[in-house]
Structures are given as C-alpha cells and as structure tokens.
N, C-alpha and C. Protein backbone atom coordinates (compact mmCIF):
# COMPACT_ATOMS: atom_id res chain seq x y z
N MET A 1 -30.65 -12.43 29.21
CA MET A 1 -30.37 -13.60 28.41
C MET A 1 -31.07 -13.48 27.07
N ASP A 2 -30.35 -13.88 26.04
CA ASP A 2 -30.89 -13.92 24.69
C ASP A 2 -31.87 -15.09 24.61
N THR A 3 -33.12 -14.83 24.22
CA THR A 3 -34.13 -15.88 24.16
C THR A 3 -34.41 -16.36 22.73
N ASN A 4 -33.57 -15.95 21.78
CA ASN A 4 -33.74 -16.39 20.41
C ASN A 4 -33.02 -17.74 20.24
N MET A 5 -33.79 -18.80 20.12
CA MET A 5 -33.24 -20.15 20.02
C MET A 5 -32.20 -20.27 18.91
N LYS A 6 -32.39 -19.56 17.81
CA LYS A 6 -31.45 -19.65 16.68
C LYS A 6 -30.03 -19.28 17.08
N ASN A 7 -29.87 -18.47 18.11
CA ASN A 7 -28.54 -18.06 18.55
C ASN A 7 -27.84 -19.12 19.38
N TYR A 8 -28.49 -20.25 19.62
CA TYR A 8 -27.92 -21.33 20.41
C TYR A 8 -27.75 -22.62 19.60
N ILE A 9 -27.95 -22.53 18.30
CA ILE A 9 -27.85 -23.70 17.43
C ILE A 9 -26.55 -23.63 16.63
N THR A 10 -25.83 -24.73 16.58
CA THR A 10 -24.65 -24.86 15.73
C THR A 10 -24.96 -25.95 14.70
N ASN A 11 -24.91 -25.59 13.45
CA ASN A 11 -25.11 -26.56 12.38
C ASN A 11 -23.75 -27.15 12.03
N SER A 12 -23.42 -28.25 12.67
CA SER A 12 -22.08 -28.83 12.50
C SER A 12 -21.82 -29.30 11.07
N GLU A 13 -22.85 -29.63 10.33
CA GLU A 13 -22.66 -30.07 8.95
C GLU A 13 -22.14 -28.93 8.07
N LYS A 14 -22.43 -27.70 8.42
CA LYS A 14 -21.97 -26.55 7.64
C LYS A 14 -20.60 -26.05 8.09
N GLU A 15 -20.15 -26.50 9.25
CA GLU A 15 -18.84 -26.09 9.76
C GLU A 15 -17.74 -26.90 9.09
N GLU A 16 -16.59 -26.27 8.88
CA GLU A 16 -15.43 -26.94 8.31
C GLU A 16 -14.61 -27.57 9.43
N TRP A 17 -14.02 -28.73 9.16
CA TRP A 17 -13.08 -29.32 10.10
C TRP A 17 -11.81 -28.47 10.07
N LYS A 18 -11.31 -28.12 11.26
CA LYS A 18 -10.08 -27.34 11.37
C LYS A 18 -9.05 -28.18 12.10
N PRO A 19 -7.78 -28.07 11.70
CA PRO A 19 -6.75 -28.83 12.41
C PRO A 19 -6.74 -28.45 13.90
N LEU A 20 -6.65 -29.45 14.76
CA LEU A 20 -6.54 -29.20 16.20
C LEU A 20 -5.13 -28.73 16.48
N VAL A 21 -5.00 -27.55 17.08
CA VAL A 21 -3.70 -26.98 17.39
C VAL A 21 -3.63 -26.71 18.88
N GLU A 22 -2.67 -27.33 19.54
CA GLU A 22 -2.42 -27.11 20.96
C GLU A 22 -0.92 -26.97 21.15
N ASN A 23 -0.49 -25.91 21.82
CA ASN A 23 0.93 -25.67 22.03
C ASN A 23 1.60 -26.85 22.73
N GLY A 24 2.66 -27.34 22.14
CA GLY A 24 3.44 -28.40 22.74
C GLY A 24 2.82 -29.78 22.70
N VAL A 25 1.71 -29.95 21.96
CA VAL A 25 1.03 -31.24 21.90
C VAL A 25 1.00 -31.72 20.44
N LYS A 26 1.39 -32.97 20.22
CA LYS A 26 1.35 -33.54 18.87
C LYS A 26 -0.10 -33.89 18.53
N THR A 27 -0.65 -33.19 17.56
CA THR A 27 -2.06 -33.40 17.20
C THR A 27 -2.22 -33.68 15.70
N ASP A 28 -1.17 -34.18 15.07
CA ASP A 28 -1.24 -34.49 13.64
C ASP A 28 -2.39 -35.46 13.37
N GLY A 29 -3.19 -35.13 12.36
CA GLY A 29 -4.29 -36.02 11.97
C GLY A 29 -5.54 -35.88 12.81
N ILE A 30 -5.61 -34.84 13.67
CA ILE A 30 -6.79 -34.61 14.50
C ILE A 30 -7.39 -33.26 14.09
N PHE A 31 -8.71 -33.26 13.89
CA PHE A 31 -9.43 -32.06 13.45
C PHE A 31 -10.59 -31.78 14.39
N VAL A 32 -10.99 -30.51 14.49
CA VAL A 32 -12.00 -30.10 15.46
C VAL A 32 -13.12 -29.30 14.80
N LYS A 33 -14.32 -29.46 15.35
CA LYS A 33 -15.46 -28.57 15.09
C LYS A 33 -15.99 -28.15 16.45
N VAL A 34 -15.99 -26.87 16.72
CA VAL A 34 -16.49 -26.36 17.99
C VAL A 34 -18.01 -26.29 17.93
N LEU A 35 -18.67 -26.89 18.91
CA LEU A 35 -20.13 -26.85 18.98
C LEU A 35 -20.61 -25.76 19.94
N ARG A 36 -19.84 -25.55 21.01
CA ARG A 36 -20.20 -24.50 21.98
C ARG A 36 -18.92 -23.89 22.51
N TYR A 37 -18.86 -22.56 22.52
CA TYR A 37 -17.70 -21.84 23.04
C TYR A 37 -18.13 -21.05 24.28
N SER A 38 -17.35 -21.17 25.34
CA SER A 38 -17.63 -20.45 26.58
C SER A 38 -16.79 -19.17 26.61
N LYS A 39 -17.44 -18.03 26.52
CA LYS A 39 -16.73 -16.76 26.60
C LYS A 39 -16.11 -16.58 27.98
N ASP A 40 -16.80 -17.06 29.02
CA ASP A 40 -16.27 -16.94 30.39
C ASP A 40 -14.96 -17.70 30.56
N LYS A 41 -14.92 -18.94 30.05
CA LYS A 41 -13.72 -19.78 30.22
C LYS A 41 -12.73 -19.63 29.07
N LYS A 42 -13.15 -18.92 28.02
CA LYS A 42 -12.32 -18.71 26.83
C LYS A 42 -11.85 -20.02 26.21
N ARG A 43 -12.78 -20.96 26.12
CA ARG A 43 -12.49 -22.26 25.52
C ARG A 43 -13.80 -22.94 25.14
N ALA A 44 -13.67 -23.99 24.36
CA ALA A 44 -14.85 -24.76 23.93
C ALA A 44 -15.01 -25.99 24.82
N PRO A 45 -16.07 -26.06 25.62
CA PRO A 45 -16.30 -27.25 26.43
C PRO A 45 -17.01 -28.37 25.66
N THR A 46 -17.60 -28.05 24.50
CA THR A 46 -18.33 -29.04 23.71
C THR A 46 -17.84 -28.96 22.27
N PHE A 47 -17.35 -30.10 21.76
CA PHE A 47 -16.75 -30.08 20.43
C PHE A 47 -16.72 -31.49 19.84
N LEU A 48 -16.53 -31.54 18.54
CA LEU A 48 -16.32 -32.80 17.82
C LEU A 48 -14.84 -32.89 17.47
N LEU A 49 -14.26 -34.07 17.60
CA LEU A 49 -12.92 -34.33 17.11
C LEU A 49 -12.99 -35.44 16.08
N LYS A 50 -12.29 -35.22 14.98
CA LYS A 50 -12.15 -36.26 13.95
C LYS A 50 -10.69 -36.69 13.96
N PHE A 51 -10.48 -37.98 14.18
CA PHE A 51 -9.14 -38.56 14.18
C PHE A 51 -8.96 -39.32 12.87
N ASN A 52 -7.93 -38.97 12.10
CA ASN A 52 -7.60 -39.77 10.93
C ASN A 52 -7.03 -41.11 11.38
N ALA A 53 -7.08 -42.10 10.52
CA ALA A 53 -6.52 -43.41 10.84
C ALA A 53 -5.08 -43.26 11.30
N GLY A 54 -4.75 -43.92 12.42
CA GLY A 54 -3.40 -43.91 12.95
C GLY A 54 -3.05 -42.73 13.84
N SER A 55 -3.98 -41.80 14.05
CA SER A 55 -3.66 -40.63 14.88
C SER A 55 -3.95 -40.91 16.36
N SER A 56 -3.37 -40.05 17.21
CA SER A 56 -3.54 -40.24 18.66
C SER A 56 -3.40 -38.92 19.39
N TYR A 57 -3.96 -38.90 20.59
CA TYR A 57 -3.84 -37.75 21.50
C TYR A 57 -3.15 -38.27 22.76
N PRO A 58 -2.14 -37.55 23.26
CA PRO A 58 -1.31 -38.10 24.33
C PRO A 58 -2.03 -38.26 25.68
N TYR A 59 -1.37 -39.00 26.56
CA TYR A 59 -1.85 -39.26 27.92
C TYR A 59 -2.09 -37.93 28.62
N HIS A 60 -3.29 -37.79 29.22
CA HIS A 60 -3.67 -36.52 29.83
C HIS A 60 -4.65 -36.73 30.98
N ASN A 61 -4.80 -35.70 31.78
CA ASN A 61 -5.69 -35.70 32.94
C ASN A 61 -6.89 -34.81 32.66
N HIS A 62 -8.05 -35.23 33.17
CA HIS A 62 -9.27 -34.42 33.09
C HIS A 62 -9.64 -33.95 34.49
N PRO A 63 -9.24 -32.72 34.88
CA PRO A 63 -9.52 -32.24 36.24
C PRO A 63 -11.01 -32.28 36.60
N ALA A 64 -11.88 -32.05 35.62
CA ALA A 64 -13.33 -32.04 35.89
C ALA A 64 -14.05 -33.18 35.19
N GLY A 65 -13.32 -34.19 34.74
CA GLY A 65 -13.94 -35.31 34.03
C GLY A 65 -14.24 -34.95 32.59
N GLU A 66 -14.92 -35.88 31.91
CA GLU A 66 -15.31 -35.65 30.52
C GLU A 66 -16.42 -36.61 30.14
N GLU A 67 -17.06 -36.32 29.02
CA GLU A 67 -18.01 -37.23 28.40
C GLU A 67 -17.59 -37.37 26.95
N ALA A 68 -17.65 -38.59 26.43
CA ALA A 68 -17.28 -38.85 25.05
C ALA A 68 -18.30 -39.81 24.43
N PHE A 69 -18.70 -39.52 23.20
CA PHE A 69 -19.64 -40.36 22.47
C PHE A 69 -19.05 -40.63 21.09
N ILE A 70 -18.86 -41.90 20.76
CA ILE A 70 -18.28 -42.29 19.48
C ILE A 70 -19.37 -42.22 18.41
N MET A 71 -19.21 -41.28 17.49
CA MET A 71 -20.21 -41.08 16.44
C MET A 71 -19.91 -41.89 15.19
N GLU A 72 -18.62 -42.09 14.91
CA GLU A 72 -18.19 -42.87 13.75
C GLU A 72 -16.90 -43.58 14.10
N GLY A 73 -16.69 -44.76 13.54
CA GLY A 73 -15.43 -45.46 13.67
C GLY A 73 -15.21 -46.08 15.03
N GLU A 74 -13.94 -46.14 15.42
CA GLU A 74 -13.58 -46.75 16.69
C GLU A 74 -12.34 -46.08 17.25
N ALA A 75 -12.21 -46.10 18.58
CA ALA A 75 -11.07 -45.48 19.24
C ALA A 75 -10.72 -46.27 20.49
N PHE A 76 -9.48 -46.16 20.89
CA PHE A 76 -9.01 -46.76 22.13
C PHE A 76 -8.77 -45.65 23.13
N PHE A 77 -9.45 -45.73 24.26
CA PHE A 77 -9.18 -44.87 25.41
C PHE A 77 -8.36 -45.76 26.34
N ASN A 78 -7.07 -45.43 26.47
CA ASN A 78 -6.11 -46.37 27.04
C ASN A 78 -6.23 -47.66 26.23
N GLU A 79 -6.47 -48.78 26.84
CA GLU A 79 -6.56 -50.04 26.09
C GLU A 79 -8.01 -50.48 25.83
N GLN A 80 -8.98 -49.65 26.23
CA GLN A 80 -10.39 -50.00 26.06
C GLN A 80 -10.89 -49.53 24.69
N LYS A 81 -11.35 -50.46 23.88
CA LYS A 81 -11.86 -50.12 22.55
C LYS A 81 -13.30 -49.67 22.65
N LEU A 82 -13.59 -48.51 22.06
CA LEU A 82 -14.95 -48.00 21.95
C LEU A 82 -15.31 -47.92 20.47
N VAL A 83 -16.56 -48.24 20.14
CA VAL A 83 -17.03 -48.24 18.76
C VAL A 83 -18.26 -47.33 18.64
N LYS A 84 -18.68 -47.11 17.41
CA LYS A 84 -19.82 -46.24 17.13
C LYS A 84 -20.98 -46.56 18.07
N GLY A 85 -21.49 -45.52 18.71
CA GLY A 85 -22.62 -45.67 19.63
C GLY A 85 -22.21 -45.80 21.09
N ASP A 86 -20.92 -46.03 21.37
CA ASP A 86 -20.46 -46.14 22.75
C ASP A 86 -20.34 -44.76 23.39
N TYR A 87 -20.70 -44.70 24.67
CA TYR A 87 -20.60 -43.47 25.47
C TYR A 87 -19.65 -43.75 26.63
N LEU A 88 -18.80 -42.78 26.91
CA LEU A 88 -17.84 -42.91 28.01
C LEU A 88 -17.93 -41.68 28.90
N TYR A 89 -18.08 -41.90 30.19
CA TYR A 89 -17.96 -40.84 31.18
C TYR A 89 -16.70 -41.11 31.99
N THR A 90 -15.82 -40.15 32.09
CA THR A 90 -14.66 -40.29 32.96
C THR A 90 -14.81 -39.30 34.11
N PRO A 91 -14.63 -39.76 35.33
CA PRO A 91 -14.79 -38.89 36.50
C PRO A 91 -13.61 -37.91 36.61
N PRO A 92 -13.76 -36.88 37.45
CA PRO A 92 -12.67 -35.93 37.65
C PRO A 92 -11.36 -36.63 38.02
N THR A 93 -10.29 -36.11 37.49
CA THR A 93 -8.90 -36.56 37.63
C THR A 93 -8.61 -37.89 36.93
N PHE A 94 -9.49 -38.32 36.04
CA PHE A 94 -9.25 -39.54 35.28
C PHE A 94 -8.21 -39.25 34.19
N LYS A 95 -7.29 -40.17 34.00
CA LYS A 95 -6.20 -40.00 33.04
C LYS A 95 -6.27 -41.07 31.95
N HIS A 96 -6.01 -40.65 30.71
CA HIS A 96 -6.02 -41.60 29.59
C HIS A 96 -5.40 -40.97 28.35
N SER A 97 -5.16 -41.80 27.37
CA SER A 97 -4.79 -41.34 26.04
C SER A 97 -5.89 -41.79 25.09
N VAL A 98 -5.85 -41.30 23.85
CA VAL A 98 -6.82 -41.71 22.83
C VAL A 98 -6.04 -42.02 21.56
N LYS A 99 -6.36 -43.15 20.94
CA LYS A 99 -5.75 -43.47 19.65
C LYS A 99 -6.77 -44.22 18.80
N THR A 100 -6.51 -44.21 17.50
CA THR A 100 -7.38 -44.94 16.59
C THR A 100 -6.56 -45.54 15.47
N ASP A 101 -6.89 -46.75 15.10
CA ASP A 101 -6.23 -47.40 13.97
C ASP A 101 -6.97 -47.09 12.66
N LYS A 102 -8.30 -47.03 12.74
CA LYS A 102 -9.13 -46.90 11.53
C LYS A 102 -9.71 -45.50 11.32
N GLY A 103 -9.65 -44.63 12.35
CA GLY A 103 -10.25 -43.30 12.28
C GLY A 103 -11.57 -43.26 13.02
N CYS A 104 -11.98 -42.06 13.43
CA CYS A 104 -13.23 -41.93 14.18
C CYS A 104 -13.64 -40.46 14.28
N VAL A 105 -14.89 -40.26 14.68
CA VAL A 105 -15.41 -38.94 15.04
C VAL A 105 -16.02 -39.10 16.43
N ILE A 106 -15.63 -38.21 17.35
CA ILE A 106 -16.07 -38.31 18.73
C ILE A 106 -16.63 -36.96 19.19
N LEU A 107 -17.79 -37.02 19.84
CA LEU A 107 -18.36 -35.85 20.51
C LEU A 107 -17.79 -35.81 21.92
N PHE A 108 -17.20 -34.67 22.31
CA PHE A 108 -16.64 -34.50 23.64
C PHE A 108 -17.32 -33.37 24.39
N ILE A 109 -17.53 -33.60 25.68
CA ILE A 109 -17.93 -32.54 26.60
C ILE A 109 -16.86 -32.54 27.68
N VAL A 110 -16.07 -31.47 27.73
CA VAL A 110 -14.92 -31.37 28.62
C VAL A 110 -15.04 -30.06 29.39
N PRO A 111 -15.54 -30.12 30.64
CA PRO A 111 -15.82 -28.89 31.40
C PRO A 111 -14.60 -28.02 31.69
N GLU A 112 -13.42 -28.63 31.86
CA GLU A 112 -12.20 -27.87 32.14
C GLU A 112 -11.08 -28.34 31.22
N GLU A 113 -10.13 -27.48 30.97
CA GLU A 113 -9.00 -27.79 30.10
C GLU A 113 -8.25 -29.01 30.62
N VAL A 114 -7.81 -29.86 29.69
CA VAL A 114 -7.05 -31.05 30.07
C VAL A 114 -5.61 -30.66 30.42
N GLU A 115 -4.94 -31.55 31.14
CA GLU A 115 -3.54 -31.36 31.51
C GLU A 115 -2.74 -32.50 30.89
N ILE A 116 -1.83 -32.18 29.98
CA ILE A 116 -0.99 -33.20 29.34
C ILE A 116 0.01 -33.73 30.38
N ILE A 117 0.17 -35.04 30.42
CA ILE A 117 1.08 -35.68 31.36
C ILE A 117 2.31 -36.13 30.58
N THR A 118 3.47 -35.61 30.94
CA THR A 118 4.68 -35.89 30.19
C THR A 118 5.64 -36.84 30.89
N GLU A 119 5.24 -37.43 31.99
CA GLU A 119 6.11 -38.34 32.75
C GLU A 119 6.35 -39.62 32.02
C-alpha cells in the first residue's frame, strides 16, 4: 500500500466540472467531479454532481444504496426537498429520481453502479 497521504487527496477546487455522460441517459445540465476512482470496479464511487437549474436525473435503483449530501442549493429526491446541509442515506434497492428547480451541488457516495428504470 502506498503510504504517501498526498496520493489520496483530491483538490476538488482545482478540478474542472465535466459534463456527466452516461449511455442512454439524459444528463443535460449535469456536471461531475470525480473525488475517488476505484480501479477494481472501474468507476467512481465518490463524486460531486452539479445540477444546473431545471436539470434532472431519471428514476433509478441503487443496488447497494447511496449517501448524498447537499453542498449548495436544493434538490428533490422523488418529492422530498433537500437543501444545503441535508444528508440522505438510501438503503440498498432504494429507487428515486433527482431534480432541481434552482440548481445544486451534491456529494454522492455510490458503492455500486445505478440501474436506470425505464418502466
């Protein structure tokens, strides 16, 4: 194991917001900053998402649950409004969508890839 602490720090202020791109998923107005990337799982389990005003992420399932912390603005997880400082834990197999009217920045910890629900 690498014991150099500097190799485990991500300075998110120096990172650029990148458009969130997911095959077959409408992600217009959503941007990402990866905080931690898992080489084993080939995905980022810890990341920031910035939603522009009026943007949304479709209804989806979290096989392993998730954690979300609202850092700026406000968002609706299903019909529940969360504002700056709110923390949300969703248990495994919890399903929801995310939308915002005013815009927001959210810290997410998502142990496994989400499953988009198209029904």
